[in-house]
């Protein structure tokens, strides 16, 4: 069984029916499944087949305390180094399960079945696993590749419109940073069509993963090229720290709109391209008004984990399908917004 994408010959990414793919991917030994209660209801057969570890939902559950509960459940179940960990869920589940698997007994084998659009186009791919500390995103984590990631577009039918839309923000991000053709396909569609056209959706998922897989294959540990995947995320993480009003995808959409304005102010992006980015996000149904004052967001930005020696590595679009990473001090970054 050949993967759709292959990272470092150790992490296969498969796009297709999970029920057909999973039996051929799981090892013959013991498997423990990490799932949340919502997923467990849809995957009752999985819960019956394997010992399960239930985890919470929402960013507030993505903490070291939750990971400690996973460890304790592993101990209770007698998990050892021969056990394979299967995470089934969205990005929060895969982030926590991957972190727990990578650190329990100094590392267990693990794989993912991603059940949200945000997880399929971004969160479950690339080997980043982590949890939040006091609301600051992914401050504790690892780089550890899952042996496989299964992305089944059919699993997305149970998502709410809001959760589905959140994933589209990450697809737009992938398009803006490295795939003008993908951007044009999303630009030419509507939310309803993306939600209802399985072929188009599969194409968007595949193209988004291709962008991320290509970048990660050249820079697994985010020392350079991989920083581009953070387009809009510095401000998005500040939004998420300041308020629970927006989910991750919604915050990323706002962050992209704001950073597109900053790129125009810096003379790097044509106003027409900024307008296209903003227009496609609005067409998909995103509210692009920051939920808190920009001044407050700028106060949080220097605390982002991607800040180093007082310098922010900011991703700025320079065209549709192209971006650059520039170093800014917090004051210089604020100046891009006239602050």
C-alpha atoms as a PDB file:
ATOM      1  CA  UNK A   1       0.000   0.000   0.000  1.00  0.00           C
ATOM      2  CA  UNK A   2       1.676   3.194  -1.200  1.00  0.00           C
ATOM      3  CA  UNK A   3       1.076   6.472   0.657  1.00  0.00           C
ATOM      4  CA  UNK A   4      -0.151   9.566  -1.152  1.00  0.00           C
ATOM      5  CA  UNK A   5       2.771  11.461   0.391  1.00  0.00           C
ATOM      6  CA  UNK A   6       5.836  10.170   2.184  1.00  0.00           C
ATOM      7  CA  UNK A   7       7.794  12.218   4.739  1.00  0.00           C
ATOM      8  CA  UNK A   8      11.359  11.085   5.407  1.00  0.00           C
ATOM      9  CA  UNK A   9      10.428   7.501   4.411  1.00  0.00           C
ATOM     10  CA  UNK A  10       9.034   7.111   7.906  1.00  0.00           C
ATOM     11  CA  UNK A  11       5.672   8.897   7.874  1.00  0.00           C
ATOM     12  CA  UNK A  12       3.172   7.953   5.191  1.00  0.00           C
ATOM     13  CA  UNK A  13       0.210  10.222   4.526  1.00  0.00           C
ATOM     14  CA  UNK A  14      -2.800   8.453   3.034  1.00  0.00           C
ATOM     15  CA  UNK A  15      -5.891  10.078   1.542  1.00  0.00           C
ATOM     16  CA  UNK A  16      -8.795   7.680   1.289  1.00  0.00           C
ATOM     17  CA  UNK A  17     -11.339   5.604   3.217  1.00  0.00           C
ATOM     18  CA  UNK A  18     -10.081   5.072   6.755  1.00  0.00           C
ATOM     19  CA  UNK A  19     -11.970   1.794   7.159  1.00  0.00           C
ATOM     20  CA  UNK A  20     -10.152   0.303   4.187  1.00  0.00           C
ATOM     21  CA  UNK A  21      -6.718   1.780   4.887  1.00  0.00           C
ATOM     22  CA  UNK A  22      -6.383   1.255   8.619  1.00  0.00           C
ATOM     23  CA  UNK A  23      -6.237  -2.584   8.741  1.00  0.00           C
ATOM     24  CA  UNK A  24      -3.238  -2.578   6.436  1.00  0.00           C
ATOM     25  CA  UNK A  25      -1.429   0.126   8.391  1.00  0.00           C
ATOM     26  CA  UNK A  26      -1.775  -1.031  11.983  1.00  0.00           C
ATOM     27  CA  UNK A  27       0.920  -3.361  13.318  1.00  0.00           C
ATOM     28  CA  UNK A  28       0.055  -6.888  14.374  1.00  0.00           C
ATOM     29  CA  UNK A  29       0.787  -6.245  18.053  1.00  0.00           C
ATOM     30  CA  UNK A  30      -1.188  -4.415  20.695  1.00  0.00           C
ATOM     31  CA  UNK A  31      -2.869  -1.101  19.822  1.00  0.00           C
ATOM     32  CA  UNK A  32      -4.264   1.481  22.230  1.00  0.00           C
ATOM     33  CA  UNK A  33      -6.558   4.157  20.798  1.00  0.00           C
ATOM     34  CA  UNK A  34      -6.627   7.776  22.006  1.00  0.00           C
ATOM     35  CA  UNK A  35      -9.942   9.414  21.133  1.00  0.00           C
ATOM     36  CA  UNK A  36     -12.334  12.058  22.410  1.00  0.00           C
ATOM     37  CA  UNK A  37     -15.959  11.288  23.387  1.00  0.00           C
ATOM     38  CA  UNK A  38     -17.399  12.829  20.207  1.00  0.00           C
ATOM     39  CA  UNK A  39     -15.226  10.655  17.986  1.00  0.00           C
ATOM     40  CA  UNK A  40     -15.917   7.607  20.148  1.00  0.00           C
ATOM     41  CA  UNK A  41     -19.624   7.877  19.330  1.00  0.00           C
ATOM     42  CA  UNK A  42     -18.904   7.713  15.596  1.00  0.00           C
ATOM     43  CA  UNK A  43     -16.163   5.077  15.968  1.00  0.00           C
ATOM     44  CA  UNK A  44     -17.872   2.722  18.414  1.00  0.00           C
ATOM     45  CA  UNK A  45     -16.406  -0.303  16.616  1.00  0.00           C
ATOM     46  CA  UNK A  46     -12.925   1.051  17.271  1.00  0.00           C
ATOM     47  CA  UNK A  47     -13.671   1.555  20.950  1.00  0.00           C
ATOM     48  CA  UNK A  48     -14.836  -2.041  21.147  1.00  0.00           C
ATOM     49  CA  UNK A  49     -11.794  -3.415  19.319  1.00  0.00           C
ATOM     50  CA  UNK A  50      -9.028  -1.640  21.256  1.00  0.00           C
ATOM     51  CA  UNK A  51      -8.382  -0.404  24.754  1.00  0.00           C
ATOM     52  CA  UNK A  52      -9.122   3.308  24.643  1.00  0.00           C
ATOM     53  CA  UNK A  53      -7.904   6.478  26.282  1.00  0.00           C
ATOM     54  CA  UNK A  54     -10.541   9.216  26.315  1.00  0.00           C
ATOM     55  CA  UNK A  55      -9.334  12.819  26.163  1.00  0.00           C
ATOM     56  CA  UNK A  56     -11.099  16.159  26.350  1.00  0.00           C
ATOM     57  CA  UNK A  57     -12.078  18.489  23.511  1.00  0.00           C
ATOM     58  CA  UNK A  58     -11.213  22.130  22.899  1.00  0.00           C
ATOM     59  CA  UNK A  59      -7.995  24.107  23.298  1.00  0.00           C
ATOM     60  CA  UNK A  60      -8.523  24.351  27.051  1.00  0.00           C
ATOM     61  CA  UNK A  61      -8.026  20.584  27.323  1.00  0.00           C
ATOM     62  CA  UNK A  62      -4.678  20.693  25.491  1.00  0.00           C
ATOM     63  CA  UNK A  63      -2.518  20.883  28.606  1.00  0.00           C
ATOM     64  CA  UNK A  64       0.203  19.013  30.436  1.00  0.00           C
ATOM     65  CA  UNK A  65      -2.413  17.940  32.957  1.00  0.00           C
ATOM     66  CA  UNK A  66      -4.341  16.194  30.160  1.00  0.00           C
ATOM     67  CA  UNK A  67      -1.168  14.496  28.967  1.00  0.00           C
ATOM     68  CA  UNK A  68      -0.501  13.330  32.511  1.00  0.00           C
ATOM     69  CA  UNK A  69      -3.954  11.740  32.515  1.00  0.00           C
ATOM     70  CA  UNK A  70      -3.032   9.946  29.290  1.00  0.00           C
ATOM     71  CA  UNK A  71       0.160   8.660  30.932  1.00  0.00           C
ATOM     72  CA  UNK A  72      -1.795   7.404  33.929  1.00  0.00           C
ATOM     73  CA  UNK A  73      -4.270   5.623  31.672  1.00  0.00           C
ATOM     74  CA  UNK A  74      -1.331   4.074  29.786  1.00  0.00           C
ATOM     75  CA  UNK A  75       0.029   2.782  33.108  1.00  0.00           C
ATOM     76  CA  UNK A  76      -3.404   1.465  34.065  1.00  0.00           C
ATOM     77  CA  UNK A  77      -3.649  -0.386  30.745  1.00  0.00           C
ATOM     78  CA  UNK A  78      -0.146  -1.801  31.010  1.00  0.00           C
ATOM     79  CA  UNK A  79       1.112   0.026  27.920  1.00  0.00           C
ATOM     80  CA  UNK A  80       4.755  -0.809  27.192  1.00  0.00           C
ATOM     81  CA  UNK A  81       7.296  -0.059  24.491  1.00  0.00           C
ATOM     82  CA  UNK A  82       5.779  -2.636  22.160  1.00  0.00           C
ATOM     83  CA  UNK A  83       2.363  -0.922  22.213  1.00  0.00           C
ATOM     84  CA  UNK A  84       1.257   1.134  19.206  1.00  0.00           C
ATOM     85  CA  UNK A  85      -0.722   4.316  19.915  1.00  0.00           C
ATOM     86  CA  UNK A  86      -3.499   5.186  17.453  1.00  0.00           C
ATOM     87  CA  UNK A  87      -4.944   8.693  17.762  1.00  0.00           C
ATOM     88  CA  UNK A  88      -8.338   9.221  16.153  1.00  0.00           C
ATOM     89  CA  UNK A  89      -9.617  12.776  16.193  1.00  0.00           C
ATOM     90  CA  UNK A  90      -8.887  16.365  15.314  1.00  0.00           C
ATOM     91  CA  UNK A  91      -5.731  18.364  15.817  1.00  0.00           C
ATOM     92  CA  UNK A  92      -6.099  18.621  19.583  1.00  0.00           C
ATOM     93  CA  UNK A  93      -6.347  14.843  19.957  1.00  0.00           C
ATOM     94  CA  UNK A  94      -3.443  14.150  17.612  1.00  0.00           C
ATOM     95  CA  UNK A  95      -1.293  16.866  19.220  1.00  0.00           C
ATOM     96  CA  UNK A  96      -1.795  15.443  22.707  1.00  0.00           C
ATOM     97  CA  UNK A  97      -1.579  11.786  21.699  1.00  0.00           C
ATOM     98  CA  UNK A  98       1.544  12.368  19.627  1.00  0.00           C
ATOM     99  CA  UNK A  99       3.188  14.236  22.496  1.00  0.00           C
ATOM    100  CA  UNK A 100       2.232  11.521  24.984  1.00  0.00           C
ATOM    101  CA  UNK A 101       3.402   8.720  22.691  1.00  0.00           C
ATOM    102  CA  UNK A 102       6.691  10.458  21.904  1.00  0.00           C
ATOM    103  CA  UNK A 103       7.523  10.915  25.591  1.00  0.00           C
ATOM    104  CA  UNK A 104       6.000   7.914  27.390  1.00  0.00           C
ATOM    105  CA  UNK A 105       8.778   5.405  28.167  1.00  0.00           C
ATOM    106  CA  UNK A 106      10.949   7.667  25.969  1.00  0.00           C
ATOM    107  CA  UNK A 107       8.905   6.971  22.884  1.00  0.00           C
ATOM    108  CA  UNK A 108       6.218   4.701  21.459  1.00  0.00           C
ATOM    109  CA  UNK A 109       5.227   4.118  17.847  1.00  0.00           C
ATOM    110  CA  UNK A 110       2.082   5.983  16.855  1.00  0.00           C
ATOM    111  CA  UNK A 111      -0.195   6.889  13.968  1.00  0.00           C
ATOM    112  CA  UNK A 112      -3.161   9.161  13.301  1.00  0.00           C
ATOM    113  CA  UNK A 113      -6.606   9.037  11.754  1.00  0.00           C
ATOM    114  CA  UNK A 114      -7.455  12.711  11.310  1.00  0.00           C
ATOM    115  CA  UNK A 115     -11.182  13.434  11.575  1.00  0.00           C
ATOM    116  CA  UNK A 116     -11.333  17.225  11.044  1.00  0.00           C
ATOM    117  CA  UNK A 117     -10.508  19.344   8.025  1.00  0.00           C
ATOM    118  CA  UNK A 118      -8.070  21.450  10.045  1.00  0.00           C
ATOM    119  CA  UNK A 119      -6.327  18.267  11.151  1.00  0.00           C
ATOM    120  CA  UNK A 120      -6.186  16.811   7.652  1.00  0.00           C
ATOM    121  CA  UNK A 121      -4.786  19.868   5.892  1.00  0.00           C
ATOM    122  CA  UNK A 122      -2.419  20.918   8.666  1.00  0.00           C
ATOM    123  CA  UNK A 123      -2.383  19.840  12.321  1.00  0.00           C
ATOM    124  CA  UNK A 124      -1.870  16.078  11.957  1.00  0.00           C
ATOM    125  CA  UNK A 125       0.833  16.363   9.277  1.00  0.00           C
ATOM    126  CA  UNK A 126       4.465  17.213   9.862  1.00  0.00           C
ATOM    127  CA  UNK A 127       5.442  15.685  13.188  1.00  0.00           C
ATOM    128  CA  UNK A 128       4.780  18.583  15.558  1.00  0.00           C
ATOM    129  CA  UNK A 129       3.085  17.447  18.762  1.00  0.00           C
ATOM    130  CA  UNK A 130       2.494  19.599  21.806  1.00  0.00           C
ATOM    131  CA  UNK A 131       0.312  21.247  24.421  1.00  0.00           C
ATOM    132  CA  UNK A 132      -0.421  24.761  25.632  1.00  0.00           C
ATOM    133  CA  UNK A 133       0.940  26.344  28.803  1.00  0.00           C
ATOM    134  CA  UNK A 134      -1.257  28.960  30.520  1.00  0.00           C
ATOM    135  CA  UNK A 135      -2.983  29.633  27.215  1.00  0.00           C
ATOM    136  CA  UNK A 136       0.233  30.070  25.221  1.00  0.00           C
ATOM    137  CA  UNK A 137       0.072  27.802  22.192  1.00  0.00           C
ATOM    138  CA  UNK A 138       2.175  24.647  21.968  1.00  0.00           C
ATOM    139  CA  UNK A 139       4.831  25.826  24.415  1.00  0.00           C
ATOM    140  CA  UNK A 140       5.675  22.226  25.388  1.00  0.00           C
ATOM    141  CA  UNK A 141       6.111  19.689  22.629  1.00  0.00           C
ATOM    142  CA  UNK A 142       8.202  17.439  20.427  1.00  0.00           C
ATOM    143  CA  UNK A 143       9.141  16.827  16.838  1.00  0.00           C
ATOM    144  CA  UNK A 144       8.166  13.185  16.303  1.00  0.00           C
ATOM    145  CA  UNK A 145       6.706  11.761  13.115  1.00  0.00           C
ATOM    146  CA  UNK A 146       3.647   9.480  13.170  1.00  0.00           C
ATOM    147  CA  UNK A 147       4.157   6.303  11.181  1.00  0.00           C
ATOM    148  CA  UNK A 148       1.042   7.161   9.203  1.00  0.00           C
ATOM    149  CA  UNK A 149      -1.648   9.791   8.884  1.00  0.00           C
ATOM    150  CA  UNK A 150      -4.975   8.773   7.350  1.00  0.00           C
ATOM    151  CA  UNK A 151      -7.052  11.621   5.915  1.00  0.00           C
ATOM    152  CA  UNK A 152     -10.523  10.440   4.948  1.00  0.00           C
ATOM    153  CA  UNK A 153     -12.674  13.253   3.471  1.00  0.00           C
ATOM    154  CA  UNK A 154     -15.818  11.217   4.239  1.00  0.00           C
ATOM    155  CA  UNK A 155     -15.150  11.658   7.954  1.00  0.00           C
ATOM    156  CA  UNK A 156     -15.695  15.401   7.587  1.00  0.00           C
ATOM    157  CA  UNK A 157     -19.422  15.039   6.913  1.00  0.00           C
ATOM    158  CA  UNK A 158     -20.186  15.043  10.635  1.00  0.00           C
ATOM    159  CA  UNK A 159     -18.386  18.349  11.244  1.00  0.00           C
ATOM    160  CA  UNK A 160     -20.333  21.499  12.030  1.00  0.00           C
ATOM    161  CA  UNK A 161     -20.081  24.294   9.484  1.00  0.00           C
ATOM    162  CA  UNK A 162     -17.976  26.251  11.946  1.00  0.00           C
ATOM    163  CA  UNK A 163     -15.439  23.466  12.406  1.00  0.00           C
ATOM    164  CA  UNK A 164     -15.332  22.769   8.674  1.00  0.00           C
ATOM    165  CA  UNK A 165     -14.752  26.458   7.972  1.00  0.00           C
ATOM    166  CA  UNK A 166     -11.879  26.497  10.467  1.00  0.00           C
ATOM    167  CA  UNK A 167     -10.022  23.977   8.337  1.00  0.00           C
ATOM    168  CA  UNK A 168     -10.518  26.063   5.220  1.00  0.00           C
ATOM    169  CA  UNK A 169      -8.457  28.837   6.825  1.00  0.00           C
ATOM    170  CA  UNK A 170      -5.445  26.522   6.894  1.00  0.00           C
ATOM    171  CA  UNK A 171      -6.067  25.522   3.276  1.00  0.00           C
ATOM    172  CA  UNK A 172      -6.112  29.201   2.264  1.00  0.00           C
ATOM    173  CA  UNK A 173      -2.876  29.659   4.231  1.00  0.00           C
ATOM    174  CA  UNK A 174      -1.194  26.838   2.306  1.00  0.00           C
ATOM    175  CA  UNK A 175      -2.369  28.377  -0.952  1.00  0.00           C
ATOM    176  CA  UNK A 176      -1.135  31.875  -0.100  1.00  0.00           C
ATOM    177  CA  UNK A 177       2.330  30.712   0.909  1.00  0.00           C
ATOM    178  CA  UNK A 178       3.074  28.280  -1.914  1.00  0.00           C
ATOM    179  CA  UNK A 179       0.266  27.349  -4.340  1.00  0.00           C
ATOM    180  CA  UNK A 180      -1.382  29.995  -6.498  1.00  0.00           C
ATOM    181  CA  UNK A 181      -3.382  27.349  -8.377  1.00  0.00           C
ATOM    182  CA  UNK A 182      -4.898  26.065  -5.128  1.00  0.00           C
ATOM    183  CA  UNK A 183      -5.773  29.629  -4.182  1.00  0.00           C
ATOM    184  CA  UNK A 184      -7.549  30.100  -7.513  1.00  0.00           C
ATOM    185  CA  UNK A 185      -9.549  26.897  -7.020  1.00  0.00           C
ATOM    186  CA  UNK A 186     -10.684  27.994  -3.554  1.00  0.00           C
ATOM    187  CA  UNK A 187     -11.310  31.520  -4.835  1.00  0.00           C
ATOM    188  CA  UNK A 188     -13.554  30.160  -7.570  1.00  0.00           C
ATOM    189  CA  UNK A 189     -15.637  28.070  -5.179  1.00  0.00           C
ATOM    190  CA  UNK A 190     -18.116  28.787  -2.423  1.00  0.00           C
ATOM    191  CA  UNK A 191     -18.324  27.451   1.094  1.00  0.00           C
ATOM    192  CA  UNK A 192     -21.337  25.332   0.100  1.00  0.00           C
ATOM    193  CA  UNK A 193     -19.515  23.824  -2.866  1.00  0.00           C
ATOM    194  CA  UNK A 194     -16.400  23.047  -0.837  1.00  0.00           C
ATOM    195  CA  UNK A 195     -18.646  21.437   1.747  1.00  0.00           C
ATOM    196  CA  UNK A 196     -20.634  19.395  -0.766  1.00  0.00           C
ATOM    197  CA  UNK A 197     -18.250  18.532  -3.619  1.00  0.00           C
ATOM    198  CA  UNK A 198     -16.192  15.527  -2.496  1.00  0.00           C
ATOM    199  CA  UNK A 199     -13.858  15.674  -5.500  1.00  0.00           C
ATOM    200  CA  UNK A 200     -13.081  19.352  -4.969  1.00  0.00           C
ATOM    201  CA  UNK A 201     -12.602  18.803  -1.248  1.00  0.00           C
ATOM    202  CA  UNK A 202     -10.219  15.894  -1.816  1.00  0.00           C
ATOM    203  CA  UNK A 203      -8.268  18.072  -4.239  1.00  0.00           C
ATOM    204  CA  UNK A 204      -8.007  20.898  -1.686  1.00  0.00           C
ATOM    205  CA  UNK A 205      -6.890  18.490   1.042  1.00  0.00           C
ATOM    206  CA  UNK A 206      -4.291  16.871  -1.208  1.00  0.00           C
ATOM    207  CA  UNK A 207      -2.892  20.195  -2.465  1.00  0.00           C
ATOM    208  CA  UNK A 208      -2.699  21.607   1.070  1.00  0.00           C
ATOM    209  CA  UNK A 209      -0.861  18.536   2.343  1.00  0.00           C
ATOM    210  CA  UNK A 210       1.503  18.713  -0.636  1.00  0.00           C
ATOM    211  CA  UNK A 211       2.494  22.262   0.350  1.00  0.00           C
ATOM    212  CA  UNK A 212       3.152  21.278   3.950  1.00  0.00           C
ATOM    213  CA  UNK A 213       4.880  17.990   3.146  1.00  0.00           C
ATOM    214  CA  UNK A 214       7.221  19.682   0.694  1.00  0.00           C
ATOM    215  CA  UNK A 215       8.208  22.356   3.200  1.00  0.00           C
ATOM    216  CA  UNK A 216       8.573  19.961   6.141  1.00  0.00           C
ATOM    217  CA  UNK A 217      10.691  17.555   4.079  1.00  0.00           C
ATOM    218  CA  UNK A 218      13.252  20.349   3.694  1.00  0.00           C
ATOM    219  CA  UNK A 219      13.053  21.689   7.250  1.00  0.00           C
ATOM    220  CA  UNK A 220      11.571  19.291   9.786  1.00  0.00           C
ATOM    221  CA  UNK A 221      12.585  21.251  12.886  1.00  0.00           C
ATOM    222  CA  UNK A 222      11.609  24.752  11.764  1.00  0.00           C
ATOM    223  CA  UNK A 223      15.021  26.345  11.441  1.00  0.00           C
ATOM    224  CA  UNK A 224      14.137  28.210   8.262  1.00  0.00           C
ATOM    225  CA  UNK A 225      11.736  27.209   5.488  1.00  0.00           C
ATOM    226  CA  UNK A 226       9.146  25.662   7.806  1.00  0.00           C
ATOM    227  CA  UNK A 227       8.543  29.045   9.404  1.00  0.00           C
ATOM    228  CA  UNK A 228       6.504  29.910   6.317  1.00  0.00           C
ATOM    229  CA  UNK A 229       3.767  27.599   7.595  1.00  0.00           C
ATOM    230  CA  UNK A 230       3.186  30.135  10.386  1.00  0.00           C
ATOM    231  CA  UNK A 231       1.609  32.693   8.054  1.00  0.00           C
ATOM    232  CA  UNK A 232      -0.998  34.542  10.134  1.00  0.00           C
ATOM    233  CA  UNK A 233      -0.265  32.420  13.197  1.00  0.00           C
ATOM    234  CA  UNK A 234       1.715  34.884  15.307  1.00  0.00           C
ATOM    235  CA  UNK A 235      -1.321  37.152  15.574  1.00  0.00           C
ATOM    236  CA  UNK A 236      -3.708  34.179  15.618  1.00  0.00           C
ATOM    237  CA  UNK A 237      -1.987  32.749  18.680  1.00  0.00           C
ATOM    238  CA  UNK A 238      -2.234  36.147  20.361  1.00  0.00           C
ATOM    239  CA  UNK A 239      -5.968  36.181  19.629  1.00  0.00           C
ATOM    240  CA  UNK A 240      -6.379  32.704  21.102  1.00  0.00           C
ATOM    241  CA  UNK A 241      -4.428  33.738  24.190  1.00  0.00           C
ATOM    242  CA  UNK A 242      -6.568  36.843  24.737  1.00  0.00           C
ATOM    243  CA  UNK A 243     -10.031  35.412  24.138  1.00  0.00           C
ATOM    244  CA  UNK A 244     -11.897  32.125  23.604  1.00  0.00           C
ATOM    245  CA  UNK A 245     -14.242  33.868  21.168  1.00  0.00           C
ATOM    246  CA  UNK A 246     -12.536  32.373  18.110  1.00  0.00           C
ATOM    247  CA  UNK A 247     -11.367  28.862  17.316  1.00  0.00           C
ATOM    248  CA  UNK A 248      -7.948  28.311  15.760  1.00  0.00           C
ATOM    249  CA  UNK A 249      -9.053  28.547  12.145  1.00  0.00           C
ATOM    250  CA  UNK A 250     -11.061  31.702  12.743  1.00  0.00           C
ATOM    251  CA  UNK A 251      -8.086  33.300  14.486  1.00  0.00           C
ATOM    252  CA  UNK A 252      -5.783  32.278  11.608  1.00  0.00           C
ATOM    253  CA  UNK A 253      -8.135  33.930   9.117  1.00  0.00           C
ATOM    254  CA  UNK A 254      -8.001  37.189  11.086  1.00  0.00           C
ATOM    255  CA  UNK A 255      -4.228  36.848  11.437  1.00  0.00           C
ATOM    256  CA  UNK A 256      -3.824  36.383   7.674  1.00  0.00           C
ATOM    257  CA  UNK A 257      -5.946  39.437   6.914  1.00  0.00           C
ATOM    258  CA  UNK A 258      -3.942  41.548   9.362  1.00  0.00           C
ATOM    259  CA  UNK A 259      -0.579  40.322   8.113  1.00  0.00           C
ATOM    260  CA  UNK A 260      -1.646  40.968   4.513  1.00  0.00           C
ATOM    261  CA  UNK A 261      -2.271  44.595   5.525  1.00  0.00           C
ATOM    262  CA  UNK A 262       1.166  44.659   7.169  1.00  0.00           C
ATOM    263  CA  UNK A 263       2.782  43.275   4.003  1.00  0.00           C
ATOM    264  CA  UNK A 264       1.186  46.062   1.968  1.00  0.00           C
ATOM    265  CA  UNK A 265       2.449  48.611   4.510  1.00  0.00           C
ATOM    266  CA  UNK A 266       5.940  47.106   4.201  1.00  0.00           C
ATOM    267  CA  UNK A 267       5.818  47.461   0.417  1.00  0.00           C
ATOM    268  CA  UNK A 268       6.010  43.705  -0.097  1.00  0.00           C
ATOM    269  CA  UNK A 269       2.487  42.883  -1.271  1.00  0.00           C
ATOM    270  CA  UNK A 270       0.380  44.545  -3.930  1.00  0.00           C
ATOM    271  CA  UNK A 271      -2.902  45.943  -2.579  1.00  0.00           C
ATOM    272  CA  UNK A 272      -4.756  43.921  -5.240  1.00  0.00           C
ATOM    273  CA  UNK A 273      -3.337  40.666  -3.869  1.00  0.00           C
ATOM    274  CA  UNK A 274      -4.212  41.742  -0.321  1.00  0.00           C
ATOM    275  CA  UNK A 275      -7.748  42.367  -1.489  1.00  0.00           C
ATOM    276  CA  UNK A 276      -7.941  38.878  -3.027  1.00  0.00           C
ATOM    277  CA  UNK A 277      -6.813  37.265   0.224  1.00  0.00           C
ATOM    278  CA  UNK A 278      -9.348  39.226   2.244  1.00  0.00           C
ATOM    279  CA  UNK A 279     -12.116  38.589  -0.291  1.00  0.00           C
ATOM    280  CA  UNK A 280     -11.665  34.804  -0.338  1.00  0.00           C
ATOM    281  CA  UNK A 281     -11.711  34.652   3.459  1.00  0.00           C
ATOM    282  CA  UNK A 282     -14.898  36.710   3.586  1.00  0.00           C
ATOM    283  CA  UNK A 283     -16.501  34.585   0.861  1.00  0.00           C
ATOM    284  CA  UNK A 284     -15.832  31.504   2.998  1.00  0.00           C
ATOM    285  CA  UNK A 285     -17.704  33.175   5.847  1.00  0.00           C
ATOM    286  CA  UNK A 286     -14.956  34.413   8.142  1.00  0.00           C
ATOM    287  CA  UNK A 287     -15.434  37.441  10.355  1.00  0.00           C
ATOM    288  CA  UNK A 288     -12.158  39.331   9.920  1.00  0.00           C
ATOM    289  CA  UNK A 289     -12.692  41.868  12.680  1.00  0.00           C
ATOM    290  CA  UNK A 290     -10.197  41.191  15.500  1.00  0.00           C
ATOM    291  CA  UNK A 291     -12.135  40.208  18.629  1.00  0.00           C
ATOM    292  CA  UNK A 292      -9.788  42.269  20.826  1.00  0.00           C
ATOM    293  CA  UNK A 293      -7.939  45.531  20.267  1.00  0.00           C
ATOM    294  CA  UNK A 294      -4.829  45.292  18.110  1.00  0.00           C
ATOM    295  CA  UNK A 295      -2.742  46.975  20.818  1.00  0.00           C
ATOM    296  CA  UNK A 296      -3.519  44.121  23.171  1.00  0.00           C
ATOM    297  CA  UNK A 297      -2.571  41.533  20.555  1.00  0.00           C
ATOM    298  CA  UNK A 298       0.743  43.276  19.919  1.00  0.00           C
ATOM    299  CA  UNK A 299       1.550  43.030  23.619  1.00  0.00           C
ATOM    300  CA  UNK A 300       1.184  39.234  23.423  1.00  0.00           C
ATOM    301  CA  UNK A 301       3.166  38.768  20.210  1.00  0.00           C
ATOM    302  CA  UNK A 302       6.664  38.871  21.814  1.00  0.00           C
ATOM    303  CA  UNK A 303       5.672  35.937  24.042  1.00  0.00           C
ATOM    304  CA  UNK A 304       5.115  33.659  21.058  1.00  0.00           C
ATOM    305  CA  UNK A 305       7.367  30.591  21.136  1.00  0.00           C
ATOM    306  CA  UNK A 306       8.777  31.543  17.735  1.00  0.00           C
ATOM    307  CA  UNK A 307      10.387  34.676  19.170  1.00  0.00           C
ATOM    308  CA  UNK A 308      14.169  34.313  19.616  1.00  0.00           C
ATOM    309  CA  UNK A 309      16.568  36.779  21.232  1.00  0.00           C
ATOM    310  CA  UNK A 310      13.929  39.479  21.108  1.00  0.00           C
ATOM    311  CA  UNK A 311      13.399  39.004  17.367  1.00  0.00           C
ATOM    312  CA  UNK A 312      10.155  37.891  15.741  1.00  0.00           C
ATOM    313  CA  UNK A 313      10.336  35.823  12.564  1.00  0.00           C
ATOM    314  CA  UNK A 314       7.289  37.146  10.742  1.00  0.00           C
ATOM    315  CA  UNK A 315       5.868  35.506   7.626  1.00  0.00           C
ATOM    316  CA  UNK A 316       4.679  38.068   5.077  1.00  0.00           C
ATOM    317  CA  UNK A 317       2.957  37.296   1.776  1.00  0.00           C
ATOM    318  CA  UNK A 318       4.682  38.838  -1.239  1.00  0.00           C
ATOM    319  CA  UNK A 319       2.144  37.535  -3.747  1.00  0.00           C
ATOM    320  CA  UNK A 320      -0.464  34.834  -4.129  1.00  0.00           C
ATOM    321  CA  UNK A 321       1.547  31.627  -3.741  1.00  0.00           C
ATOM    322  CA  UNK A 322       4.696  33.250  -2.396  1.00  0.00           C
ATOM    323  CA  UNK A 323       5.883  34.583   0.946  1.00  0.00           C
ATOM    324  CA  UNK A 324       8.979  35.639   2.823  1.00  0.00           C
ATOM    325  CA  UNK A 325      10.162  35.473   6.425  1.00  0.00           C
ATOM    326  CA  UNK A 326      11.513  38.721   7.849  1.00  0.00           C
ATOM    327  CA  UNK A 327      13.049  39.481  11.268  1.00  0.00           C
ATOM    328  CA  UNK A 328      11.382  42.269  13.256  1.00  0.00           C
ATOM    329  CA  UNK A 329      11.720  43.565  16.750  1.00  0.00           C
ATOM    330  CA  UNK A 330       8.332  43.881  18.487  1.00  0.00           C
ATOM    331  CA  UNK A 331       8.489  47.652  17.971  1.00  0.00           C
ATOM    332  CA  UNK A 332       9.247  47.274  14.279  1.00  0.00           C
ATOM    333  CA  UNK A 333       6.399  44.811  13.898  1.00  0.00           C
ATOM    334  CA  UNK A 334       3.983  47.146  15.657  1.00  0.00           C
ATOM    335  CA  UNK A 335       5.080  49.947  13.335  1.00  0.00           C
ATOM    336  CA  UNK A 336       3.763  47.968  10.356  1.00  0.00           C
ATOM    337  CA  UNK A 337       0.316  48.550  11.832  1.00  0.00           C
ATOM    338  CA  UNK A 338       0.937  52.225  12.550  1.00  0.00           C
ATOM    339  CA  UNK A 339       1.364  51.545  16.258  1.00  0.00           C
END
